[in-house]
Structure formats: C-alpha cells, structure tokens
Amino acid sequence: MEHAGRIAFVTGGGSGIGRAIALRLASAGAAVAVVDLHAGAAEAVAAEIRAGGGRAIAVAADVSAARAVADAAARARAELGTPSILVNSAGIAAFDPIATLAEETFDRMIAVHLKGTFLACRELAPAMAEAGWGRIVNVSSTAALNGGGPGLSHYAAAKAGVIGLTKSLAQELGPRGVTVNAIAPGLIDTPLIRGAGAPEGLYDEVVRRLPVRRIGQPDDVAAACAYLVSDEAGFCTGQVISPNGGAA
C-alpha cells in the first residue's frame, strides 16, 4: 500500500469531494484526519474508514479560524502522527448576483476557500519541509479559470486565489521536497453543488455541452488527487489539473 505509514489531513472530508479523497487515501494505506465543520459528517467518514480496516479520526473545525486549524492539526499529530499529505477541500458555494452580493457573503467565501487553505498550509507545511517529503493538494474550480458564470464572482475570486497561493507555495516549498498542486474540477455531483441555488436547468445545460455527456463524480476528483499525492508525482508541482469532462 503506497501510503502505509503516512498521515493525511483532509479538510472538507465529511462529504462530496473531500469524502471521496479521504476514502481513496485510506484505501492506499494512509491514516486520515477527516476534518469538517460538521462533526457528524466527519465521524461518519472516519467510521467508514475504520470499518474497512483503516485508521481515521474525525475532527470538527472551521478552517477559516486559525485557532481551530491549529487545534485540528494538534489532534491529528497526537492521535495519528505528523501529516505529510494535506488536501484542502473545504468549501461553500452559492449564487449571488453582484448587485445584491453582501460584503459578509463575499468575506465568508474568501475566508473558507482562500484563508482556510492558507491556514492549513501554514500549519502543516513546515513539518513536511523539515522531513523532506510532503504533498499538498488544494481544491480549486474551473470557475477560477473561466469565471464560473453569473452569480459566482465571489466563488471564482476565492478559487482563483487558491491557484495563486498554490503556485507561490510550490516555488517556496519545492526545494524542501514538498509539492503543491491544485485540482480545478468542473461540475461535480455533490451535496454542496446541489444546494448552491443554481438557476433552474443550469446543470442539465452544462452536462449537455460536455463531450463526456455526464456530470462529474467525486471519485473523478479523488483519482486526480491520488496521482498528485503519489511518489510518482514528485516532478509535478505548481500545476492545475482540471477533471472537467472536456469543458471548454
């Protein structure tokens, strides 16, 4: 098992893409700290991993709060060991036209996606660099590349920031054996997306235009992540991989 003995720290691990990634890493032998705002969701995923013979803990944390991230990392170190794999998948989504986009809503979008990614990287990257090996994967979105569409200016801005952070950290941490990459998924069938309040028929229209003619699944993203955290991906850093079904 490729990641036997390694510890993974997965934010947003209680559902959707984060859940699929946590399960994929556990199947490869990693012990997983499943970090999520919702304690019950995190525990359900951790229990699923343990039921399959793996090691996992559930940690409830708001990734936008520095103290919460530090406490979650401390728990992971105490109960599992020092993480050498970090996946920043925590996120929120909503459609808000710019004319009615509240400042608080914009700030929260930035705080969860961009600040949360920064806080987790700041907390966990130094130990990876000290050890000379680490993998960081930040979940962005195709919205960062194409704007996402009407009502997604705050989401697109936050996810674009994640890509910029990824590329900068790749340069900073690469000499120390730590790779930092981003995944920019297209439309993925998750509870987050289904509850985002999209205009009627939007998702069906997106699927109709995709060459693969289907909505993406969390496992499609987990597969990309599995490569980026592998030993074979040691020459891949500062990159953006976009599993998107062939979207233009």
Protein backbone atom coordinates (compact mmCIF):
# COMPACT_ATOMS: atom_id res chain seq x y z
CA MET A 1 0.00 0.00 0.00
CA GLU A 2 1.65 3.17 -1.25
CA HIS A 3 0.82 5.40 1.69
CA ALA A 4 1.21 2.91 4.53
CA GLY A 5 2.64 4.78 7.49
CA ARG A 6 1.71 8.19 6.11
CA ILE A 7 -0.78 10.57 7.66
CA ALA A 8 -3.27 12.59 5.60
CA PHE A 9 -5.16 15.68 6.72
CA VAL A 10 -8.26 16.27 4.58
CA THR A 11 -10.41 19.35 5.12
CA GLY A 12 -14.00 19.23 3.99
CA GLY A 13 -13.66 15.48 4.38
CA GLY A 14 -17.19 14.90 5.63
CA SER A 15 -18.93 14.92 2.24
CA GLY A 16 -18.60 15.21 -1.51
CA ILE A 17 -15.12 15.56 -2.96
CA GLY A 18 -13.40 15.60 0.43
CA ARG A 19 -15.09 12.36 1.45
CA ALA A 20 -14.08 10.63 -1.77
CA ILE A 21 -10.47 11.78 -1.32
CA ALA A 22 -10.36 10.67 2.31
CA LEU A 23 -11.62 7.22 1.38
CA ARG A 24 -9.21 6.96 -1.57
CA LEU A 25 -6.20 7.86 0.59
CA ALA A 26 -7.29 5.42 3.29
CA SER A 27 -7.59 2.65 0.70
CA ALA A 28 -3.95 3.34 -0.20
CA GLY A 29 -2.90 2.84 3.42
CA ALA A 30 -2.85 6.37 4.81
CA ALA A 31 -4.23 7.18 8.21
CA VAL A 32 -6.67 10.05 7.74
CA ALA A 33 -7.71 13.02 9.84
CA VAL A 34 -11.17 13.80 8.45
CA VAL A 35 -11.68 17.50 9.13
CA ASP A 36 -15.06 19.09 8.61
CA LEU A 37 -17.21 21.87 10.01
CA HIS A 38 -19.87 19.26 10.74
CA ALA A 39 -18.74 16.80 13.39
CA GLY A 40 -21.32 14.14 12.50
CA ALA A 41 -20.33 14.09 8.83
CA ALA A 42 -16.65 13.83 9.70
CA GLU A 43 -17.29 10.99 12.12
CA ALA A 44 -19.37 9.08 9.56
CA VAL A 45 -16.47 9.12 7.09
CA ALA A 46 -13.90 8.25 9.76
CA ALA A 47 -16.09 5.36 10.90
CA GLU A 48 -16.36 4.13 7.30
CA ILE A 49 -12.57 4.12 7.04
CA ARG A 50 -12.18 2.28 10.34
CA ALA A 51 -14.82 -0.26 9.33
CA GLY A 52 -12.67 -1.05 6.31
CA GLY A 53 -9.65 -1.70 8.48
CA GLY A 54 -8.05 1.74 8.22
CA ARG A 55 -7.08 4.37 10.78
CA ALA A 56 -9.00 7.61 10.95
CA ILE A 57 -10.18 10.29 13.32
CA ALA A 58 -12.90 12.88 12.91
CA VAL A 59 -12.10 16.48 13.74
CA ALA A 60 -14.70 19.25 13.78
CA ALA A 61 -13.17 22.57 12.72
CA ASP A 62 -13.95 25.80 10.91
CA VAL A 63 -10.98 26.13 8.57
CA SER A 64 -11.34 29.90 8.42
CA ALA A 65 -10.33 30.19 12.10
CA ALA A 66 -6.60 29.96 12.83
CA ARG A 67 -7.08 28.55 16.33
CA ALA A 68 -9.43 25.85 15.05
CA VAL A 69 -6.97 24.78 12.35
CA ALA A 70 -4.09 24.70 14.84
CA ASP A 71 -6.15 22.62 17.26
CA ALA A 72 -7.19 20.21 14.49
CA ALA A 73 -3.57 19.76 13.42
CA ALA A 74 -2.51 19.18 17.03
CA ARG A 75 -5.13 16.46 17.40
CA ALA A 76 -4.01 14.79 14.19
CA ARG A 77 -0.40 14.78 15.36
CA ALA A 78 -1.30 13.46 18.80
CA GLU A 79 -3.65 10.69 17.66
CA LEU A 80 -2.26 9.66 14.26
CA GLY A 81 1.17 11.22 13.72
CA THR A 82 2.57 14.13 11.76
CA PRO A 83 0.69 14.64 8.47
CA SER A 84 2.74 14.50 5.29
CA ILE A 85 -0.30 14.78 2.99
CA LEU A 86 -2.61 17.78 3.10
CA VAL A 87 -5.73 18.13 0.98
CA ASN A 88 -7.64 21.40 1.25
CA SER A 89 -11.13 20.56 0.08
CA ALA A 90 -13.34 22.52 2.50
CA GLY A 91 -15.69 24.79 0.66
CA ILE A 92 -19.00 26.57 0.35
CA ALA A 93 -20.97 27.61 -2.73
CA ALA A 94 -23.79 29.98 -3.58
CA PHE A 95 -25.11 32.01 -6.49
CA ASP A 96 -25.24 35.73 -5.67
CA PRO A 97 -25.56 38.42 -8.37
CA ILE A 98 -23.06 41.23 -7.86
CA ALA A 99 -25.79 43.82 -7.36
CA THR A 100 -27.04 42.04 -4.25
CA LEU A 101 -23.83 40.35 -3.09
CA ALA A 102 -23.40 41.21 0.58
CA GLU A 103 -19.97 42.08 1.89
CA GLU A 104 -20.34 39.44 4.59
CA THR A 105 -21.11 36.79 1.99
CA PHE A 106 -18.07 37.75 -0.07
CA ASP A 107 -15.84 37.74 3.02
CA ARG A 108 -17.06 34.31 4.09
CA MET A 109 -16.38 32.86 0.63
CA ILE A 110 -12.81 34.16 0.73
CA ALA A 111 -12.35 33.06 4.35
CA VAL A 112 -13.35 29.44 3.80
CA HIS A 113 -11.64 28.82 0.47
CA LEU A 114 -8.57 31.03 0.41
CA LYS A 115 -7.84 31.82 4.05
CA GLY A 116 -8.69 28.25 5.08
CA THR A 117 -6.22 26.87 2.54
CA PHE A 118 -3.56 29.32 3.72
CA LEU A 119 -4.08 28.45 7.39
CA ALA A 120 -3.81 24.70 6.84
CA CYS A 121 -0.72 25.10 4.67
CA ARG A 122 0.92 27.38 7.21
CA GLU A 123 0.18 24.89 9.97
CA LEU A 124 1.31 21.68 8.25
CA ALA A 125 3.84 22.59 5.56
CA PRO A 126 6.79 23.36 7.89
CA ALA A 127 6.91 19.80 9.25
CA MET A 128 6.76 18.39 5.71
CA ALA A 129 9.66 20.62 4.67
CA GLU A 130 11.62 19.58 7.74
CA ALA A 131 11.07 15.91 6.86
CA GLY A 132 11.98 16.48 3.21
CA TRP A 133 8.76 14.99 1.79
CA GLY A 134 5.21 16.25 1.52
CA ARG A 135 2.23 16.55 -0.75
CA ILE A 136 -0.26 19.42 -0.70
CA VAL A 137 -3.31 19.43 -2.95
CA ASN A 138 -5.66 22.41 -2.99
CA VAL A 139 -9.10 22.03 -4.48
CA SER A 140 -9.93 24.99 -6.72
CA SER A 141 -12.52 25.06 -9.51
CA THR A 142 -12.93 25.67 -13.22
CA ALA A 143 -14.66 28.86 -12.05
CA ALA A 144 -11.17 30.14 -11.22
CA LEU A 145 -10.22 29.68 -14.87
CA ASN A 146 -13.36 30.85 -16.67
CA GLY A 147 -15.24 32.97 -14.13
CA GLY A 148 -17.89 30.35 -13.45
CA GLY A 149 -20.80 32.36 -14.81
CA PRO A 150 -23.32 34.86 -13.46
CA GLY A 151 -23.66 34.91 -9.68
CA LEU A 152 -20.31 33.29 -8.99
CA SER A 153 -17.96 36.27 -8.80
CA HIS A 154 -17.16 35.67 -5.11
CA TYR A 155 -16.65 31.93 -5.63
CA ALA A 156 -14.50 32.43 -8.73
CA ALA A 157 -12.37 35.03 -6.96
CA ALA A 158 -11.80 32.78 -3.96
CA LYS A 159 -10.89 29.78 -6.11
CA ALA A 160 -8.57 31.88 -8.29
CA GLY A 161 -6.79 32.96 -5.13
CA VAL A 162 -6.28 29.30 -4.25
CA ILE A 163 -4.48 28.77 -7.55
CA GLY A 164 -2.22 31.76 -6.97
CA LEU A 165 -1.40 30.55 -3.48
CA THR A 166 -0.69 27.08 -4.84
CA LYS A 167 1.77 28.30 -7.46
CA SER A 168 3.64 30.51 -4.99
CA LEU A 169 3.92 27.81 -2.35
CA ALA A 170 5.13 25.35 -4.97
CA GLN A 171 8.12 27.62 -5.59
CA GLU A 172 8.75 28.14 -1.89
CA LEU A 173 8.45 24.51 -0.78
CA GLY A 174 9.77 22.64 -3.82
CA PRO A 175 13.42 22.81 -2.75
CA ARG A 176 12.41 21.12 0.52
CA GLY A 177 10.76 18.09 -1.11
CA VAL A 178 7.18 19.30 -0.84
CA THR A 179 4.97 19.52 -3.93
CA VAL A 180 1.95 21.81 -4.07
CA ASN A 181 -0.68 21.41 -6.77
CA ALA A 182 -4.28 22.37 -7.40
CA ILE A 183 -7.25 20.49 -8.79
CA ALA A 184 -9.84 22.58 -10.62
CA PRO A 185 -12.90 20.35 -11.02
CA GLY A 186 -15.70 21.09 -13.39
CA LEU A 187 -19.31 20.35 -12.45
CA ILE A 188 -19.23 17.58 -9.83
CA ASP A 189 -22.33 15.98 -8.32
CA THR A 190 -22.01 16.82 -4.63
CA PRO A 191 -24.40 17.95 -1.88
CA LEU A 192 -22.59 21.30 -1.92
CA ILE A 193 -23.33 21.94 -5.58
CA ARG A 194 -26.88 20.60 -5.40
CA GLY A 195 -27.60 23.02 -2.55
CA ALA A 196 -25.94 26.08 -4.07
CA GLY A 197 -29.13 27.56 -5.53
CA ALA A 198 -28.25 27.35 -9.21
CA PRO A 199 -30.73 28.72 -11.75
CA GLU A 200 -33.27 26.16 -12.95
CA GLY A 201 -31.88 23.86 -15.62
CA LEU A 202 -28.30 25.18 -15.41
CA TYR A 203 -26.65 21.88 -14.52
CA ASP A 204 -28.55 19.99 -17.24
CA GLU A 205 -27.38 22.58 -19.77
CA VAL A 206 -23.76 22.25 -18.63
CA VAL A 207 -23.90 18.46 -18.98
CA ARG A 208 -25.46 18.77 -22.44
CA ARG A 209 -22.43 20.75 -23.63
CA LEU A 210 -19.80 18.44 -22.15
CA PRO A 211 -18.09 15.99 -24.54
CA VAL A 212 -18.49 13.19 -21.97
CA ARG A 213 -22.23 14.00 -21.57
CA ARG A 214 -22.34 13.39 -17.82
CA ILE A 215 -21.89 15.21 -14.58
CA GLY A 216 -18.63 14.52 -12.75
CA GLN A 217 -18.47 12.35 -9.66
CA PRO A 218 -16.38 12.90 -6.52
CA ASP A 219 -14.33 9.82 -7.40
CA ASP A 220 -13.23 11.53 -10.63
CA VAL A 221 -11.55 14.19 -8.50
CA ALA A 222 -10.21 11.68 -5.99
CA ALA A 223 -8.46 9.86 -8.82
CA ALA A 224 -6.64 13.05 -9.82
CA CYS A 225 -5.70 13.66 -6.21
CA ALA A 226 -4.38 10.12 -5.88
CA TYR A 227 -1.84 10.86 -8.59
CA LEU A 228 -0.79 14.21 -7.17
CA VAL A 229 -0.03 12.77 -3.73
CA SER A 230 1.83 9.76 -5.13
CA ASP A 231 5.58 9.26 -5.17
CA GLU A 232 5.39 9.24 -8.97
CA ALA A 233 4.18 12.85 -8.96
CA GLY A 234 7.39 14.20 -7.46
CA PHE A 235 8.18 16.18 -10.63
CA CYS A 236 4.68 17.71 -10.74
CA THR A 237 4.32 20.89 -8.70
CA GLY A 238 2.67 24.27 -9.15
CA GLN A 239 0.23 22.68 -11.60
CA VAL A 240 -3.52 22.85 -12.04
CA ILE A 241 -5.22 19.61 -13.06
CA SER A 242 -8.81 20.04 -14.24
CA PRO A 243 -11.08 16.99 -14.35
CA ASN A 244 -13.99 18.65 -16.11
CA GLY A 245 -15.44 16.32 -18.72
CA GLY A 246 -13.90 18.25 -21.59
CA ALA A 247 -15.39 21.65 -20.77
CA ALA A 248 -14.02 24.46 -22.93
